[in-house]
Amino acid sequence: MVLTLNNQFTVSVSLHFNYAEILVPFCIKLHAMSAYGYEIVQTLIVDIEPDVHVKRARNEINAAARLRVAANEKPEAEKILQIKKAEGEAESKYLSGLGIARQRQAIVDGLRDSVLAFSENVPGTSPRDVMDMVLVNQYFDTMKVIGASSKSSAVVIPHGPGAVKDVASQIREGLLQAESIQH
């Protein structure tokens, strides 16, 4: 009796197949062997080697089934990746904000300490005079950095004693407004 591969797998997997349909032809062939002095009591089939075309067809069927499953799972995986990416960006921005806030706090603390130390050590100066001097110093530092940049871009900044005073007063007004909002 010859079983096709599909029949073999169907018979192996199925719970409701007809034993007589398979066993009777085998028993007849086995009984014919007894005429030659052989009696086959049991046999174990360990390897079913189907035709190459049958193997290829079954592999294509399995591959198609796996591709269908993968196609269903891919959107879910992409969704998870987008969620994780968004969570990472949110965490990054949060930590960046904390870093900027700490940097600004350190700058304010340093300026306050400098103003207090300078006004205590130099008689006749007020904290406002010291702040004006610090702002002018920072203005010149900024101009130096802009001028030393290797990528030359045109930056037009009003420059002169009056312009520095205007910049200092604008910064001071911004700080006072921020302070009045906090209190």
Foldseek 3Di string as FASTA:
>chain_A
DDDAPVRVVCVVPDPDDDPCVPVVVVVVVQVVCVVVVDHDDDDDDDDDDHDPVVVVVVVVVVVVVVVVVCVVCVVVVVVVVVVVVVVVVVVVVVVVVVVVVVVVVVVVVVLVVVLVVVPVVDDPDDSLNSLLVVQLVVVVVVVVVLVPDPPPDDDDQDDDPVSSVVVSVVVVVVVVVVVVVVD
